[in-house]
Amino acid sequence: MNMDALTFLRERVGLFAGVSEEHLTALATESTLSTYKSGQTIMFKGATVDGLHVMAVGKAGVFIKPPTQPVIQVAELISGDVFGEVSIIENGTAGATIKCIEDGTFVLNIPQDAFRVLLTESPEFVARVKALIASRKAP
């Protein structure tokens, strides 16, 4: 990835629009980048989520298993998309399995503590995260 984490968060991730440079710098500094191959699981349903995950490069699928049915893909995540925020806000576990569906996928992981600091200090950001969560729960 040619772009540094700070520039990526500022320019490519809609969730962070309007977040101060100071907060973005803290998130970027704390974040780690992981790479995945197609078919690898990034997050297991029911697992404790360790932070906010941001798709940097590549694609991942969101998979669920409806009762008495096979596993199905319900969404695709691309660069700039985030996942794991519901678990952090609601102190829960992952509600779906996230699997890499393209080789060379990179995911930026922002630790839960760094994400929580931003939630504590920015009411506007909290509102944006809650709106995102509500949009995902809408039928």
N, C-alpha and C. Protein backbone atom coordinates (compact mmCIF):
# COMPACT_ATOMS: atom_id res chain seq x y z
N MET A 1 0.86 -1.18 0.00
CA MET A 1 0.00 0.00 0.00
C MET A 1 0.90 1.24 0.00
N ASN A 2 0.74 2.09 -0.98
CA ASN A 2 1.62 3.24 -1.13
C ASN A 2 1.28 4.38 -0.17
N MET A 3 0.10 4.33 0.38
CA MET A 3 -0.38 5.44 1.19
C MET A 3 -0.17 5.13 2.67
N ASP A 4 0.16 6.15 3.46
CA ASP A 4 0.30 5.88 4.89
C ASP A 4 -1.08 5.79 5.54
N ALA A 5 -1.12 5.22 6.74
CA ALA A 5 -2.41 4.97 7.41
C ALA A 5 -3.18 6.26 7.68
N LEU A 6 -2.50 7.31 8.05
CA LEU A 6 -3.17 8.58 8.35
C LEU A 6 -3.87 9.13 7.10
N THR A 7 -3.15 9.18 5.99
CA THR A 7 -3.74 9.69 4.74
C THR A 7 -4.91 8.82 4.32
N PHE A 8 -4.75 7.51 4.44
CA PHE A 8 -5.82 6.58 4.07
C PHE A 8 -7.07 6.83 4.90
N LEU A 9 -6.92 6.92 6.22
CA LEU A 9 -8.08 7.13 7.09
C LEU A 9 -8.76 8.47 6.76
N ARG A 10 -7.96 9.51 6.50
CA ARG A 10 -8.49 10.84 6.24
C ARG A 10 -9.21 10.90 4.89
N GLU A 11 -8.62 10.28 3.86
CA GLU A 11 -9.11 10.48 2.51
C GLU A 11 -10.01 9.39 1.98
N ARG A 12 -9.94 8.19 2.55
CA ARG A 12 -10.66 7.06 1.95
C ARG A 12 -11.74 6.44 2.82
N VAL A 13 -11.79 6.81 4.08
CA VAL A 13 -12.73 6.14 4.99
C VAL A 13 -13.80 7.14 5.42
N GLY A 14 -14.98 7.00 4.82
CA GLY A 14 -16.07 7.94 5.08
C GLY A 14 -16.42 8.08 6.54
N LEU A 15 -16.29 7.00 7.30
CA LEU A 15 -16.64 7.03 8.72
C LEU A 15 -15.82 8.09 9.47
N PHE A 16 -14.61 8.36 9.00
CA PHE A 16 -13.74 9.30 9.71
C PHE A 16 -13.78 10.73 9.15
N ALA A 17 -14.70 11.00 8.23
CA ALA A 17 -14.83 12.36 7.68
C ALA A 17 -15.11 13.33 8.83
N GLY A 18 -14.36 14.40 8.86
CA GLY A 18 -14.60 15.42 9.89
C GLY A 18 -13.92 15.15 11.22
N VAL A 19 -13.27 14.02 11.37
CA VAL A 19 -12.54 13.71 12.62
C VAL A 19 -11.24 14.53 12.61
N SER A 20 -10.89 15.08 13.76
CA SER A 20 -9.71 15.95 13.83
C SER A 20 -8.43 15.21 13.46
N GLU A 21 -7.47 15.99 12.95
CA GLU A 21 -6.17 15.44 12.57
C GLU A 21 -5.49 14.79 13.78
N GLU A 22 -5.67 15.39 14.93
CA GLU A 22 -5.09 14.86 16.18
C GLU A 22 -5.62 13.45 16.46
N HIS A 23 -6.94 13.28 16.36
CA HIS A 23 -7.52 11.95 16.60
C HIS A 23 -7.12 10.96 15.52
N LEU A 24 -7.14 11.40 14.26
CA LEU A 24 -6.76 10.50 13.17
C LEU A 24 -5.31 10.04 13.31
N THR A 25 -4.44 10.95 13.71
CA THR A 25 -3.02 10.60 13.90
C THR A 25 -2.88 9.54 14.99
N ALA A 26 -3.63 9.71 16.07
CA ALA A 26 -3.58 8.71 17.16
C ALA A 26 -4.06 7.34 16.67
N LEU A 27 -5.16 7.33 15.91
CA LEU A 27 -5.69 6.06 15.39
C LEU A 27 -4.68 5.42 14.43
N ALA A 28 -4.12 6.22 13.54
CA ALA A 28 -3.17 5.70 12.56
C ALA A 28 -1.92 5.14 13.24
N THR A 29 -1.45 5.84 14.26
CA THR A 29 -0.24 5.41 14.98
C THR A 29 -0.46 4.08 15.68
N GLU A 30 -1.64 3.90 16.25
CA GLU A 30 -1.94 2.67 17.01
C GLU A 30 -2.30 1.49 16.10
N SER A 31 -2.68 1.76 14.86
CA SER A 31 -3.21 0.71 13.99
C SER A 31 -2.12 -0.23 13.47
N THR A 32 -2.55 -1.43 13.10
CA THR A 32 -1.66 -2.42 12.50
C THR A 32 -2.29 -2.89 11.20
N LEU A 33 -1.45 -3.32 10.27
CA LEU A 33 -1.92 -3.77 8.97
C LEU A 33 -1.71 -5.27 8.85
N SER A 34 -2.76 -5.99 8.45
CA SER A 34 -2.64 -7.44 8.25
C SER A 34 -2.99 -7.75 6.81
N THR A 35 -2.39 -8.81 6.30
CA THR A 35 -2.68 -9.22 4.93
C THR A 35 -3.33 -10.61 4.93
N TYR A 36 -4.23 -10.82 3.98
CA TYR A 36 -4.99 -12.08 3.90
C TYR A 36 -5.03 -12.60 2.48
N LYS A 37 -5.13 -13.93 2.38
CA LYS A 37 -5.31 -14.60 1.09
C LYS A 37 -6.78 -14.98 0.94
N SER A 38 -7.21 -15.14 -0.29
CA SER A 38 -8.59 -15.54 -0.57
C SER A 38 -8.93 -16.82 0.20
N GLY A 39 -10.08 -16.80 0.87
CA GLY A 39 -10.53 -17.96 1.64
C GLY A 39 -10.18 -17.88 3.12
N GLN A 40 -9.24 -17.02 3.49
CA GLN A 40 -8.87 -16.88 4.91
C GLN A 40 -9.97 -16.15 5.67
N THR A 41 -10.21 -16.59 6.90
CA THR A 41 -11.18 -15.91 7.75
C THR A 41 -10.48 -14.76 8.47
N ILE A 42 -11.07 -13.58 8.38
CA ILE A 42 -10.54 -12.39 9.04
C ILE A 42 -11.15 -12.28 10.44
N MET A 43 -12.44 -12.61 10.55
CA MET A 43 -13.13 -12.53 11.84
C MET A 43 -14.20 -13.64 11.88
N PHE A 44 -14.22 -14.37 12.98
CA PHE A 44 -15.20 -15.43 13.15
C PHE A 44 -16.44 -14.92 13.86
N LYS A 45 -17.61 -15.34 13.39
CA LYS A 45 -18.86 -15.01 14.09
C LYS A 45 -18.75 -15.49 15.53
N GLY A 46 -19.16 -14.66 16.47
CA GLY A 46 -19.13 -15.05 17.87
C GLY A 46 -17.82 -14.72 18.58
N ALA A 47 -16.80 -14.35 17.80
CA ALA A 47 -15.50 -14.02 18.41
C ALA A 47 -15.55 -12.63 19.05
N THR A 48 -14.74 -12.45 20.07
CA THR A 48 -14.60 -11.13 20.67
C THR A 48 -13.80 -10.27 19.70
N VAL A 49 -14.28 -9.08 19.44
CA VAL A 49 -13.63 -8.21 18.46
C VAL A 49 -12.59 -7.34 19.17
N ASP A 50 -11.37 -7.34 18.64
CA ASP A 50 -10.28 -6.63 19.30
C ASP A 50 -10.11 -5.18 18.83
N GLY A 51 -10.90 -4.78 17.86
CA GLY A 51 -10.77 -3.41 17.38
C GLY A 51 -11.64 -3.17 16.17
N LEU A 52 -11.53 -1.96 15.64
CA LEU A 52 -12.25 -1.59 14.43
C LEU A 52 -11.38 -2.01 13.25
N HIS A 53 -11.96 -2.73 12.31
CA HIS A 53 -11.24 -3.19 11.13
C HIS A 53 -11.64 -2.31 9.95
N VAL A 54 -10.63 -1.87 9.19
CA VAL A 54 -10.86 -1.02 8.03
C VAL A 54 -10.27 -1.72 6.82
N MET A 55 -11.09 -1.95 5.80
CA MET A 55 -10.60 -2.55 4.56
C MET A 55 -9.68 -1.55 3.88
N ALA A 56 -8.44 -1.94 3.62
CA ALA A 56 -7.49 -1.05 2.96
C ALA A 56 -7.42 -1.37 1.47
N VAL A 57 -7.10 -2.62 1.14
CA VAL A 57 -6.97 -3.06 -0.24
C VAL A 57 -7.65 -4.42 -0.35
N GLY A 58 -8.30 -4.68 -1.48
CA GLY A 58 -8.88 -5.99 -1.72
C GLY A 58 -10.35 -6.06 -1.37
N LYS A 59 -10.83 -7.31 -1.16
CA LYS A 59 -12.25 -7.54 -0.90
C LYS A 59 -12.44 -8.61 0.15
N ALA A 60 -13.50 -8.44 0.92
CA ALA A 60 -13.89 -9.46 1.90
C ALA A 60 -15.40 -9.63 1.81
N GLY A 61 -15.87 -10.80 2.20
CA GLY A 61 -17.29 -11.07 2.21
C GLY A 61 -17.80 -11.18 3.64
N VAL A 62 -19.06 -10.78 3.82
CA VAL A 62 -19.72 -10.92 5.11
C VAL A 62 -20.64 -12.13 4.98
N PHE A 63 -20.41 -13.14 5.83
CA PHE A 63 -21.16 -14.39 5.72
C PHE A 63 -21.97 -14.66 6.98
N ILE A 64 -23.20 -15.12 6.79
CA ILE A 64 -24.04 -15.53 7.92
C ILE A 64 -24.62 -16.91 7.62
N LYS A 65 -25.09 -17.57 8.66
CA LYS A 65 -25.74 -18.88 8.48
C LYS A 65 -27.14 -18.80 9.05
N PRO A 66 -28.12 -18.61 8.17
CA PRO A 66 -29.50 -18.61 8.65
C PRO A 66 -29.84 -19.99 9.21
N PRO A 67 -30.77 -20.05 10.18
CA PRO A 67 -31.16 -21.35 10.74
C PRO A 67 -31.59 -22.31 9.64
N THR A 68 -31.13 -23.52 9.73
CA THR A 68 -31.45 -24.62 8.81
C THR A 68 -31.08 -24.35 7.35
N GLN A 69 -30.20 -23.40 7.12
CA GLN A 69 -29.77 -23.12 5.74
C GLN A 69 -28.25 -23.10 5.68
N PRO A 70 -27.71 -23.25 4.46
CA PRO A 70 -26.25 -23.15 4.34
C PRO A 70 -25.78 -21.70 4.53
N VAL A 71 -24.48 -21.55 4.73
CA VAL A 71 -23.89 -20.22 4.90
C VAL A 71 -24.06 -19.42 3.61
N ILE A 72 -24.43 -18.15 3.76
CA ILE A 72 -24.59 -17.28 2.59
C ILE A 72 -23.80 -15.98 2.78
N GLN A 73 -23.37 -15.42 1.64
CA GLN A 73 -22.69 -14.12 1.68
C GLN A 73 -23.77 -13.04 1.57
N VAL A 74 -23.77 -12.11 2.53
CA VAL A 74 -24.80 -11.07 2.56
C VAL A 74 -24.28 -9.69 2.18
N ALA A 75 -22.96 -9.52 2.14
CA ALA A 75 -22.39 -8.23 1.76
C ALA A 75 -20.95 -8.42 1.33
N GLU A 76 -20.45 -7.41 0.59
CA GLU A 76 -19.05 -7.41 0.19
C GLU A 76 -18.43 -6.13 0.73
N LEU A 77 -17.24 -6.26 1.28
CA LEU A 77 -16.52 -5.11 1.83
C LEU A 77 -15.35 -4.78 0.91
N ILE A 78 -15.19 -3.49 0.62
CA ILE A 78 -14.10 -3.04 -0.24
C ILE A 78 -13.33 -1.93 0.48
N SER A 79 -12.30 -1.43 -0.17
CA SER A 79 -11.45 -0.39 0.43
C SER A 79 -12.27 0.77 0.99
N GLY A 80 -11.99 1.11 2.26
CA GLY A 80 -12.70 2.20 2.92
C GLY A 80 -13.84 1.73 3.81
N ASP A 81 -14.30 0.49 3.60
CA ASP A 81 -15.38 -0.05 4.44
C ASP A 81 -14.81 -0.47 5.80
N VAL A 82 -15.67 -0.42 6.82
CA VAL A 82 -15.24 -0.81 8.16
C VAL A 82 -16.11 -1.95 8.68
N PHE A 83 -15.57 -2.72 9.62
CA PHE A 83 -16.36 -3.73 10.32
C PHE A 83 -15.82 -3.91 11.72
N GLY A 84 -16.69 -4.41 12.60
CA GLY A 84 -16.31 -4.61 14.00
C GLY A 84 -16.84 -3.53 14.92
N GLU A 85 -17.43 -2.46 14.34
CA GLU A 85 -17.87 -1.34 15.18
C GLU A 85 -19.05 -1.69 16.07
N VAL A 86 -19.93 -2.56 15.61
CA VAL A 86 -21.10 -2.93 16.42
C VAL A 86 -20.64 -3.61 17.71
N SER A 87 -19.68 -4.51 17.57
CA SER A 87 -19.18 -5.26 18.73
C SER A 87 -18.53 -4.34 19.75
N ILE A 88 -17.83 -3.30 19.28
CA ILE A 88 -17.16 -2.38 20.20
C ILE A 88 -18.20 -1.52 20.93
N ILE A 89 -19.13 -0.96 20.18
CA ILE A 89 -20.14 -0.07 20.77
C ILE A 89 -21.04 -0.83 21.74
N GLU A 90 -21.44 -2.03 21.34
CA GLU A 90 -22.42 -2.78 22.14
C GLU A 90 -21.76 -3.83 23.03
N ASN A 91 -20.43 -3.81 23.13
CA ASN A 91 -19.69 -4.78 23.94
C ASN A 91 -20.09 -6.21 23.65
N GLY A 92 -20.27 -6.48 22.38
CA GLY A 92 -20.69 -7.82 22.00
C GLY A 92 -19.61 -8.58 21.28
N THR A 93 -20.03 -9.55 20.52
CA THR A 93 -19.11 -10.35 19.72
C THR A 93 -19.49 -10.18 18.25
N ALA A 94 -18.65 -10.66 17.38
CA ALA A 94 -18.89 -10.52 15.95
C ALA A 94 -20.20 -11.19 15.56
N GLY A 95 -21.02 -10.46 14.82
CA GLY A 95 -22.33 -10.98 14.42
C GLY A 95 -22.31 -11.76 13.13
N ALA A 96 -21.18 -11.75 12.45
CA ALA A 96 -21.05 -12.46 11.18
C ALA A 96 -19.59 -12.88 11.02
N THR A 97 -19.37 -13.79 10.08
CA THR A 97 -18.00 -14.19 9.75
C THR A 97 -17.54 -13.34 8.57
N ILE A 98 -16.33 -12.81 8.66
CA ILE A 98 -15.77 -12.01 7.57
C ILE A 98 -14.64 -12.83 6.97
N LYS A 99 -14.74 -13.10 5.66
CA LYS A 99 -13.71 -13.89 4.98
C LYS A 99 -13.14 -13.09 3.82
N CYS A 100 -11.85 -13.24 3.63
CA CYS A 100 -11.18 -12.62 2.49
C CYS A 100 -11.66 -13.32 1.21
N ILE A 101 -11.99 -12.53 0.18
CA ILE A 101 -12.42 -13.14 -1.09
C ILE A 101 -11.53 -12.70 -2.25
N GLU A 102 -10.38 -12.08 -1.92
CA GLU A 102 -9.44 -11.67 -2.97
C GLU A 102 -8.02 -11.73 -2.39
N ASP A 103 -7.12 -12.42 -3.09
CA ASP A 103 -5.73 -12.48 -2.63
C ASP A 103 -5.16 -11.08 -2.50
N GLY A 104 -4.23 -10.90 -1.55
CA GLY A 104 -3.59 -9.61 -1.38
C GLY A 104 -4.48 -8.57 -0.73
N THR A 105 -5.41 -9.03 0.11
CA THR A 105 -6.28 -8.11 0.83
C THR A 105 -5.56 -7.62 2.09
N PHE A 106 -5.61 -6.32 2.30
CA PHE A 106 -5.01 -5.72 3.49
C PHE A 106 -6.09 -5.10 4.36
N VAL A 107 -6.01 -5.35 5.66
CA VAL A 107 -6.98 -4.82 6.61
C VAL A 107 -6.23 -4.07 7.71
N LEU A 108 -6.65 -2.85 7.95
CA LEU A 108 -6.08 -2.02 9.01
C LEU A 108 -6.89 -2.27 10.28
N ASN A 109 -6.22 -2.60 11.37
CA ASN A 109 -6.92 -2.85 12.63
C ASN A 109 -6.61 -1.72 13.61
N ILE A 110 -7.65 -1.00 14.00
CA ILE A 110 -7.50 0.08 14.98
C ILE A 110 -7.90 -0.51 16.33
N PRO A 111 -6.97 -0.56 17.29
CA PRO A 111 -7.28 -1.19 18.58
C PRO A 111 -8.50 -0.57 19.25
N GLN A 112 -9.23 -1.42 19.95
CA GLN A 112 -10.46 -1.00 20.62
C GLN A 112 -10.26 0.22 21.52
N ASP A 113 -9.16 0.24 22.27
CA ASP A 113 -8.92 1.35 23.20
C ASP A 113 -8.78 2.67 22.46
N ALA A 114 -8.06 2.68 21.34
CA ALA A 114 -7.88 3.91 20.56
C ALA A 114 -9.22 4.37 19.99
N PHE A 115 -10.01 3.42 19.53
CA PHE A 115 -11.34 3.73 18.98
C PHE A 115 -12.25 4.29 20.07
N ARG A 116 -12.17 3.72 21.25
CA ARG A 116 -13.01 4.18 22.38
C ARG A 116 -12.65 5.61 22.81
N VAL A 117 -11.37 5.97 22.74
CA VAL A 117 -10.95 7.34 23.08
C VAL A 117 -11.67 8.33 22.16
N LEU A 118 -11.69 8.02 20.87
CA LEU A 118 -12.37 8.89 19.91
C LEU A 118 -13.86 8.96 20.22
N LEU A 119 -14.46 7.84 20.56
CA LEU A 119 -15.89 7.82 20.91
C LEU A 119 -16.16 8.70 22.13
N THR A 120 -15.25 8.67 23.08
CA THR A 120 -15.40 9.45 24.31
C THR A 120 -15.31 10.95 24.04
N GLU A 121 -14.42 11.32 23.10
CA GLU A 121 -14.12 12.73 22.90
C GLU A 121 -14.87 13.40 21.76
N SER A 122 -15.60 12.63 20.96
CA SER A 122 -16.27 13.22 19.80
C SER A 122 -17.72 12.76 19.67
N PRO A 123 -18.66 13.55 20.19
CA PRO A 123 -20.08 13.20 20.08
C PRO A 123 -20.54 13.07 18.62
N GLU A 124 -19.96 13.89 17.73
CA GLU A 124 -20.33 13.80 16.30
C GLU A 124 -19.94 12.44 15.74
N PHE A 125 -18.77 11.96 16.15
CA PHE A 125 -18.31 10.66 15.67
C PHE A 125 -19.21 9.54 16.20
N VAL A 126 -19.59 9.63 17.45
CA VAL A 126 -20.51 8.64 18.04
C VAL A 126 -21.80 8.58 17.22
N ALA A 127 -22.33 9.75 16.87
CA ALA A 127 -23.57 9.82 16.09
C ALA A 127 -23.39 9.14 14.73
N ARG A 128 -22.23 9.36 14.10
CA ARG A 128 -21.97 8.76 12.80
C ARG A 128 -21.87 7.24 12.90
N VAL A 129 -21.19 6.75 13.94
CA VAL A 129 -21.04 5.30 14.14
C VAL A 129 -22.41 4.67 14.41
N LYS A 130 -23.22 5.34 15.24
CA LYS A 130 -24.56 4.79 15.54
C LYS A 130 -25.44 4.77 14.30
N ALA A 131 -25.30 5.77 13.44
CA ALA A 131 -26.06 5.80 12.18
C ALA A 131 -25.64 4.64 11.28
N LEU A 132 -24.34 4.35 11.24
CA LEU A 132 -23.84 3.23 10.45
C LEU A 132 -24.41 1.91 10.97
N ILE A 133 -24.39 1.75 12.29
CA ILE A 133 -24.93 0.53 12.90
C ILE A 133 -26.42 0.38 12.58
N ALA A 134 -27.17 1.47 12.71
CA ALA A 134 -28.61 1.44 12.41
C ALA A 134 -28.85 1.06 10.96
N SER A 135 -28.03 1.57 10.05
CA SER A 135 -28.23 1.27 8.62
C SER A 135 -27.98 -0.21 8.34
N ARG A 136 -27.07 -0.82 9.10
CA ARG A 136 -26.78 -2.24 8.89
C ARG A 136 -27.86 -3.13 9.47
N LYS A 137 -28.57 -2.63 10.46
CA LYS A 137 -29.61 -3.46 11.09
C LYS A 137 -30.95 -3.31 10.38
N ALA A 138 -31.04 -2.29 9.51
CA ALA A 138 -32.30 -2.07 8.78
C ALA A 138 -32.53 -3.26 7.84
N PRO A 139 -33.79 -3.66 7.70
CA PRO A 139 -34.08 -4.82 6.83
C PRO A 139 -33.76 -4.54 5.37
